[in-house]
C-alpha atoms as a PDB file:
ATOM      1  CA  MET A   1       0.000   0.000   0.000  1.00  0.00           C
ATOM      2  CA  SER A   2       1.039   3.609  -0.510  1.00  0.00           C
ATOM      3  CA  VAL A   3       1.660   5.948   2.405  1.00  0.00           C
ATOM      4  CA  ALA A   4      -1.549   7.816   1.503  1.00  0.00           C
ATOM      5  CA  ASN A   5      -3.558   4.602   1.625  1.00  0.00           C
ATOM      6  CA  ASP A   6      -1.886   3.501   4.852  1.00  0.00           C
ATOM      7  CA  GLU A   7      -2.762   6.829   6.484  1.00  0.00           C
ATOM      8  CA  ARG A   8      -6.340   6.592   5.224  1.00  0.00           C
ATOM      9  CA  ALA A   9      -6.686   3.096   6.686  1.00  0.00           C
ATOM     10  CA  ALA A  10      -5.251   4.249  10.022  1.00  0.00           C
ATOM     11  CA  LEU A  11      -7.678   7.192  10.158  1.00  0.00           C
ATOM     12  CA  VAL A  12     -10.617   4.933   9.311  1.00  0.00           C
ATOM     13  CA  ARG A  13      -9.707   2.519  12.106  1.00  0.00           C
ATOM     14  CA  THR A  14      -9.570   5.372  14.596  1.00  0.00           C
ATOM     15  CA  LEU A  15     -12.901   6.817  13.416  1.00  0.00           C
ATOM     16  CA  HIS A  16     -14.595   3.446  13.793  1.00  0.00           C
ATOM     17  CA  THR A  17     -13.162   3.221  17.312  1.00  0.00           C
ATOM     18  CA  VAL A  18     -14.068   6.693  18.615  1.00  0.00           C
ATOM     19  CA  GLY A  19     -17.462   7.134  16.939  1.00  0.00           C
ATOM     20  CA  PRO A  20     -19.203  10.181  15.402  1.00  0.00           C
ATOM     21  CA  ASP A  21     -19.242  12.519  18.393  1.00  0.00           C
ATOM     22  CA  ALA A  22     -15.589  12.507  19.432  1.00  0.00           C
ATOM     23  CA  PRO A  23     -13.738  15.845  19.614  1.00  0.00           C
ATOM     24  CA  THR A  24     -11.130  16.975  17.106  1.00  0.00           C
ATOM     25  CA  LEU A  25      -8.566  19.761  16.995  1.00  0.00           C
ATOM     26  CA  CYS A  26     -10.598  21.498  14.255  1.00  0.00           C
ATOM     27  CA  PRO A  27     -12.706  24.206  15.974  1.00  0.00           C
ATOM     28  CA  GLY A  28     -16.385  23.282  16.010  1.00  0.00           C
ATOM     29  CA  TRP A  29     -15.882  19.888  14.400  1.00  0.00           C
ATOM     30  CA  THR A  30     -16.675  16.509  15.867  1.00  0.00           C
ATOM     31  CA  THR A  31     -15.465  13.419  14.060  1.00  0.00           C
ATOM     32  CA  ARG A  32     -18.707  13.434  12.061  1.00  0.00           C
ATOM     33  CA  GLN A  33     -17.965  16.907  10.657  1.00  0.00           C
ATOM     34  CA  LEU A  34     -14.370  15.928   9.956  1.00  0.00           C
ATOM     35  CA  ALA A  35     -15.427  12.822   8.022  1.00  0.00           C
ATOM     36  CA  ALA A  36     -17.984  14.884   6.087  1.00  0.00           C
ATOM     37  CA  HIS A  37     -15.276  17.398   5.176  1.00  0.00           C
ATOM     38  CA  LEU A  38     -13.056  14.651   3.801  1.00  0.00           C
ATOM     39  CA  LEU A  39     -15.887  13.120   1.787  1.00  0.00           C
ATOM     40  CA  ALA A  40     -16.931  16.485   0.354  1.00  0.00           C
ATOM     41  CA  ARG A  41     -13.343  17.133  -0.669  1.00  0.00           C
ATOM     42  CA  GLU A  42     -13.121  13.816  -2.517  1.00  0.00           C
ATOM     43  CA  ARG A  43     -16.623  13.354  -3.901  1.00  0.00           C
ATOM     44  CA  ARG A  44     -17.924  16.856  -4.609  1.00  0.00           C
ATOM     45  CA  PRO A  45     -15.557  18.799  -6.893  1.00  0.00           C
ATOM     46  CA  GLU A  46     -17.484  22.021  -6.240  1.00  0.00           C
ATOM     47  CA  ALA A  47     -16.700  21.652  -2.529  1.00  0.00           C
ATOM     48  CA  LEU A  48     -13.014  21.164  -3.273  1.00  0.00           C
ATOM     49  CA  LEU A  49     -12.954  24.702  -4.700  1.00  0.00           C
ATOM     50  CA  GLY A  50     -13.961  26.025  -1.288  1.00  0.00           C
ATOM     51  CA  ILE A  51     -10.705  24.903   0.309  1.00  0.00           C
ATOM     52  CA  GLY A  52      -8.396  27.886   0.133  1.00  0.00           C
ATOM     53  CA  VAL A  53     -10.755  29.940  -2.079  1.00  0.00           C
ATOM     54  CA  PRO A  54     -12.889  32.121   0.223  1.00  0.00           C
ATOM     55  CA  ARG A  55     -15.608  32.915  -2.323  1.00  0.00           C
ATOM     56  CA  PHE A  56     -16.554  29.222  -2.467  1.00  0.00           C
ATOM     57  CA  ALA A  57     -16.269  28.541   1.268  1.00  0.00           C
ATOM     58  CA  ALA A  58     -19.988  28.949   2.048  1.00  0.00           C
ATOM     59  CA  ARG A  59     -20.932  26.421  -0.623  1.00  0.00           C
ATOM     60  CA  ARG A  60     -18.371  23.981   0.742  1.00  0.00           C
ATOM     61  CA  HIS A  61     -19.785  24.339   4.248  1.00  0.00           C
ATOM     62  CA  ARG A  62     -23.316  23.652   2.981  1.00  0.00           C
ATOM     63  CA  ILE A  63     -22.189  20.519   1.181  1.00  0.00           C
ATOM     64  CA  GLU A  64     -20.295  19.278   4.221  1.00  0.00           C
ATOM     65  CA  GLN A  65     -23.365  19.790   6.394  1.00  0.00           C
ATOM     66  CA  GLN A  66     -25.545  17.906   3.923  1.00  0.00           C
ATOM     67  CA  ILE A  67     -23.149  14.977   3.966  1.00  0.00           C
ATOM     68  CA  ALA A  68     -22.809  15.019   7.751  1.00  0.00           C
ATOM     69  CA  THR A  69     -26.557  14.894   8.338  1.00  0.00           C
ATOM     70  CA  GLY A  70     -27.545  12.741   5.367  1.00  0.00           C
ATOM     71  CA  HIS A  71     -25.669   9.540   6.180  1.00  0.00           C
ATOM     72  CA  GLU A  72     -25.313   7.096   9.037  1.00  0.00           C
ATOM     73  CA  TRP A  73     -21.914   7.122  10.723  1.00  0.00           C
ATOM     74  CA  THR A  74     -20.842   3.687   9.504  1.00  0.00           C
ATOM     75  CA  GLU A  75     -21.725   4.644   5.933  1.00  0.00           C
ATOM     76  CA  LEU A  76     -19.704   7.863   6.191  1.00  0.00           C
ATOM     77  CA  VAL A  77     -16.621   6.044   7.399  1.00  0.00           C
ATOM     78  CA  ASP A  78     -16.985   3.197   4.905  1.00  0.00           C
ATOM     79  CA  ARG A  79     -17.223   5.703   2.056  1.00  0.00           C
ATOM     80  CA  LEU A  80     -14.079   7.388   3.304  1.00  0.00           C
ATOM     81  CA  ALA A  81     -12.343   4.003   3.470  1.00  0.00           C
ATOM     82  CA  SER A  82     -13.161   3.316  -0.188  1.00  0.00           C
ATOM     83  CA  GLY A  83     -11.208   6.360  -1.343  1.00  0.00           C
ATOM     84  CA  PRO A  84     -12.015   8.953  -4.018  1.00  0.00           C
ATOM     85  CA  PRO A  85     -14.312   7.839  -6.876  1.00  0.00           C
ATOM     86  CA  VAL A  86     -12.978   7.570 -10.412  1.00  0.00           C
ATOM     87  CA  TYR A  87     -14.267  11.028 -11.375  1.00  0.00           C
ATOM     88  CA  SER A  88     -12.369  12.758  -8.570  1.00  0.00           C
ATOM     89  CA  PRO A  89      -9.018  14.353  -9.405  1.00  0.00           C
ATOM     90  CA  LEU A  90      -7.882  13.286  -5.950  1.00  0.00           C
ATOM     91  CA  ARG A  91      -8.027   9.650  -7.043  1.00  0.00           C
ATOM     92  CA  TRP A  92      -5.270  10.328  -9.540  1.00  0.00           C
ATOM     93  CA  LEU A  93      -3.351  12.699  -7.271  1.00  0.00           C
ATOM     94  CA  ASN A  94      -3.414  10.347  -4.289  1.00  0.00           C
ATOM     95  CA  ARG A  95       0.286  10.499  -3.467  1.00  0.00           C
ATOM     96  CA  VAL A  96       0.448  14.275  -3.898  1.00  0.00           C
ATOM     97  CA  ALA A  97      -2.823  15.384  -2.344  1.00  0.00           C
ATOM     98  CA  ASN A  98      -3.855  12.817   0.241  1.00  0.00           C
ATOM     99  CA  ILE A  99      -0.883  11.955   2.478  1.00  0.00           C
ATOM    100  CA  HIS A 100      -0.919  15.252   4.354  1.00  0.00           C
ATOM    101  CA  GLU A 101      -4.726  15.388   4.463  1.00  0.00           C
ATOM    102  CA  MET A 102      -5.094  11.940   6.001  1.00  0.00           C
ATOM    103  CA  PHE A 103      -2.138  12.343   8.357  1.00  0.00           C
ATOM    104  CA  VAL A 104      -3.081  15.784   9.684  1.00  0.00           C
ATOM    105  CA  HIS A 105      -6.751  14.958  10.177  1.00  0.00           C
ATOM    106  CA  HIS A 106      -5.940  11.631  11.795  1.00  0.00           C
ATOM    107  CA  GLU A 107      -3.815  13.495  14.306  1.00  0.00           C
ATOM    108  CA  ASP A 108      -6.656  16.013  14.738  1.00  0.00           C
ATOM    109  CA  VAL A 109      -8.696  13.130  16.128  1.00  0.00           C
ATOM    110  CA  ARG A 110      -5.940  11.443  18.117  1.00  0.00           C
ATOM    111  CA  ARG A 111      -4.542  14.589  19.719  1.00  0.00           C
ATOM    112  CA  ALA A 112      -7.885  16.024  20.791  1.00  0.00           C
ATOM    113  CA  VAL A 113      -7.793  13.512  23.645  1.00  0.00           C
ATOM    114  CA  PRO A 114      -5.516  14.280  26.640  1.00  0.00           C
ATOM    115  CA  GLY A 115      -2.636  11.883  27.081  1.00  0.00           C
ATOM    116  CA  TRP A 116      -1.918  11.392  23.377  1.00  0.00           C
ATOM    117  CA  THR A 117       1.527  10.344  22.247  1.00  0.00           C
ATOM    118  CA  PRO A 118       3.031  10.468  18.749  1.00  0.00           C
ATOM    119  CA  ARG A 119       2.405   7.366  16.636  1.00  0.00           C
ATOM    120  CA  PRO A 120       5.316   5.201  15.559  1.00  0.00           C
ATOM    121  CA  LEU A 121       5.734   5.630  11.800  1.00  0.00           C
ATOM    122  CA  ASP A 122       7.625   3.475   9.360  1.00  0.00           C
ATOM    123  CA  GLU A 123      10.485   4.782   7.251  1.00  0.00           C
ATOM    124  CA  HIS A 124       8.315   5.285   4.161  1.00  0.00           C
ATOM    125  CA  ALA A 125       5.850   7.458   6.063  1.00  0.00           C
ATOM    126  CA  VAL A 126       8.654   9.469   7.665  1.00  0.00           C
ATOM    127  CA  ALA A 127      10.273  10.064   4.263  1.00  0.00           C
ATOM    128  CA  ALA A 128       6.957  11.225   2.791  1.00  0.00           C
ATOM    129  CA  LEU A 129       6.254  13.554   5.718  1.00  0.00           C
ATOM    130  CA  ARG A 130       9.781  14.957   5.470  1.00  0.00           C
ATOM    131  CA  ARG A 131       9.140  15.866   1.851  1.00  0.00           C
ATOM    132  CA  LEU A 132       5.767  17.405   2.674  1.00  0.00           C
ATOM    133  CA  ALA A 133       7.107  19.464   5.588  1.00  0.00           C
ATOM    134  CA  ARG A 134       9.675  20.909   3.187  1.00  0.00           C
ATOM    135  CA  ILE A 135       6.944  21.783   0.671  1.00  0.00           C
ATOM    136  CA  PHE A 136       4.131  22.978   2.891  1.00  0.00           C
ATOM    137  CA  GLY A 137       6.064  25.135   5.339  1.00  0.00           C
ATOM    138  CA  PRO A 138       6.409  28.038   2.893  1.00  0.00           C
ATOM    139  CA  VAL A 139       3.156  27.291   1.046  1.00  0.00           C
ATOM    140  CA  VAL A 140       0.650  27.449   3.903  1.00  0.00           C
ATOM    141  CA  THR A 141       2.203  30.284   5.922  1.00  0.00           C
ATOM    142  CA  PRO A 142       2.734  33.147   3.450  1.00  0.00           C
ATOM    143  CA  GLY A 143       3.894  36.359   5.061  1.00  0.00           C
ATOM    144  CA  VAL A 144       4.982  34.669   8.273  1.00  0.00           C
ATOM    145  CA  PRO A 145       6.610  37.395  10.468  1.00  0.00           C
ATOM    146  CA  ALA A 146       9.999  35.694  10.826  1.00  0.00           C
ATOM    147  CA  ARG A 147      12.573  33.676   8.969  1.00  0.00           C
ATOM    148  CA  VAL A 148      11.592  30.176  10.032  1.00  0.00           C
ATOM    149  CA  THR A 149      13.879  27.162   9.759  1.00  0.00           C
ATOM    150  CA  PHE A 150      12.492  23.650  10.072  1.00  0.00           C
ATOM    151  CA  ARG A 151      15.020  21.181  11.489  1.00  0.00           C
ATOM    152  CA  THR A 152      14.841  17.535  12.447  1.00  0.00           C
ATOM    153  CA  PRO A 153      16.396  16.347  15.720  1.00  0.00           C
ATOM    154  CA  ASP A 154      19.486  15.109  13.844  1.00  0.00           C
ATOM    155  CA  GLY A 155      20.175  18.710  12.745  1.00  0.00           C
ATOM    156  CA  ALA A 156      19.010  18.434   9.133  1.00  0.00           C
ATOM    157  CA  ALA A 157      17.385  21.608   7.779  1.00  0.00           C
ATOM    158  CA  LEU A 158      14.193  20.741   5.892  1.00  0.00           C
ATOM    159  CA  ALA A 159      12.958  24.196   4.928  1.00  0.00           C
ATOM    160  CA  GLN A 160      13.541  27.890   5.447  1.00  0.00           C
ATOM    161  CA  PHE A 161      10.892  30.485   4.668  1.00  0.00           C
ATOM    162  CA  GLY A 162       9.618  33.917   5.633  1.00  0.00           C
ATOM    163  CA  SER A 163      11.577  37.028   6.466  1.00  0.00           C
ATOM    164  CA  GLY A 164      12.444  38.849   9.663  1.00  0.00           C
ATOM    165  CA  PRO A 165      13.941  37.639  12.953  1.00  0.00           C
ATOM    166  CA  ASP A 166      15.245  34.070  12.914  1.00  0.00           C
ATOM    167  CA  ILE A 167      13.473  31.267  14.711  1.00  0.00           C
ATOM    168  CA  THR A 168      14.029  27.535  14.474  1.00  0.00           C
ATOM    169  CA  VAL A 169      11.415  24.822  14.897  1.00  0.00           C
ATOM    170  CA  THR A 170      12.915  21.410  15.609  1.00  0.00           C
ATOM    171  CA  GLY A 171      10.954  18.185  15.521  1.00  0.00           C
ATOM    172  CA  ALA A 172      10.195  15.010  13.636  1.00  0.00           C
ATOM    173  CA  PRO A 173       8.913  15.578  10.081  1.00  0.00           C
ATOM    174  CA  GLY A 174       5.327  14.781  11.036  1.00  0.00           C
ATOM    175  CA  GLU A 175       5.425  17.255  13.906  1.00  0.00           C
ATOM    176  CA  LEU A 176       6.799  19.970  11.619  1.00  0.00           C
ATOM    177  CA  LEU A 177       4.074  19.282   9.071  1.00  0.00           C
ATOM    178  CA  LEU A 178       1.422  19.602  11.775  1.00  0.00           C
ATOM    179  CA  PHE A 179       2.967  22.899  12.878  1.00  0.00           C
ATOM    180  CA  ALA A 180       2.888  24.151   9.274  1.00  0.00           C
ATOM    181  CA  PHE A 181      -0.854  23.482   9.240  1.00  0.00           C
ATOM    182  CA  GLY A 182      -1.387  25.453  12.431  1.00  0.00           C
ATOM    183  CA  ARG A 183      -1.649  22.656  14.976  1.00  0.00           C
ATOM    184  CA  ASN A 184      -0.282  23.336  18.447  1.00  0.00           C
ATOM    185  CA  GLU A 185      -0.708  19.859  19.947  1.00  0.00           C
ATOM    186  CA  ILE A 186       2.764  18.917  18.774  1.00  0.00           C
ATOM    187  CA  ARG A 187       6.159  17.848  20.076  1.00  0.00           C
ATOM    188  CA  VAL A 188       8.635  20.434  18.796  1.00  0.00           C
ATOM    189  CA  GLU A 189      11.213  22.786  20.260  1.00  0.00           C
ATOM    190  CA  PHE A 190      11.400  26.482  19.407  1.00  0.00           C
ATOM    191  CA  ALA A 191      14.546  28.594  19.376  1.00  0.00           C
ATOM    192  CA  GLY A 192      14.261  32.360  19.063  1.00  0.00           C
ATOM    193  CA  ASP A 193      12.612  35.362  20.625  1.00  0.00           C
ATOM    194  CA  THR A 194       9.474  34.331  22.536  1.00  0.00           C
ATOM    195  CA  ASP A 195       7.296  37.098  21.080  1.00  0.00           C
ATOM    196  CA  VAL A 196       8.377  36.222  17.564  1.00  0.00           C
ATOM    197  CA  VAL A 197       7.696  32.538  18.173  1.00  0.00           C
ATOM    198  CA  ASP A 198       4.215  33.406  19.449  1.00  0.00           C
ATOM    199  CA  ALA A 199       3.567  35.539  16.376  1.00  0.00           C
ATOM    200  CA  VAL A 200       4.604  32.712  14.074  1.00  0.00           C
ATOM    201  CA  ARG A 201       2.459  30.198  15.945  1.00  0.00           C
ATOM    202  CA  SER A 202      -0.598  32.422  15.557  1.00  0.00           C
ATOM    203  CA  ALA A 203       0.057  33.366  11.905  1.00  0.00           C
ATOM    204  CA  GLU A 204      -2.816  32.638   9.540  1.00  0.00           C
ATOM    205  CA  ARG A 205      -2.490  29.478   7.490  1.00  0.00           C
ATOM    206  CA  ARG A 206      -3.693  29.327   3.903  1.00  0.00           C
ATOM    207  CA  PHE A 207      -5.443  25.944   4.278  1.00  0.00           C
END
């Protein structure tokens, strides 16, 4: 299986375990809303436009609500498990578009519960997340008020982006990817001025 498919399967197992009313790290979303978001993204191309394009956001929200209320929980999760249909561009862009989506949202479910710990990941997943942290750091945080360097614990620099005072964020590739997408339930270390770090942590993300 690909990393994207492995992450999808892991998310599906967790959703089946926690049920439709579990909390997530996405404000206002239970697991039901999160699953509906993922299905809208994959099965309703007009909803996909609403991700990152504000003028289509209201339509996307309506579609997500329709999906959330129009299906039983088991059906929602089983549809997610089956992956994008043949007409969805995300079926053909699985490796590019779905690894980060499945990984980040799986952690949104896992880390909404106190006492979470990072999952063990195999070398293929770590390599994929390393690549994505390098890509998405500068993409999702345009105009970040610092020059941010992503480093792994072994000292490797994965990405550098932004301008201004220097800060460094050190962590495993998955943790850095989660930080890039605005999650704060992460295991990373920050180096730099505290006020600058706080400003970077609260900077608006594009997605």
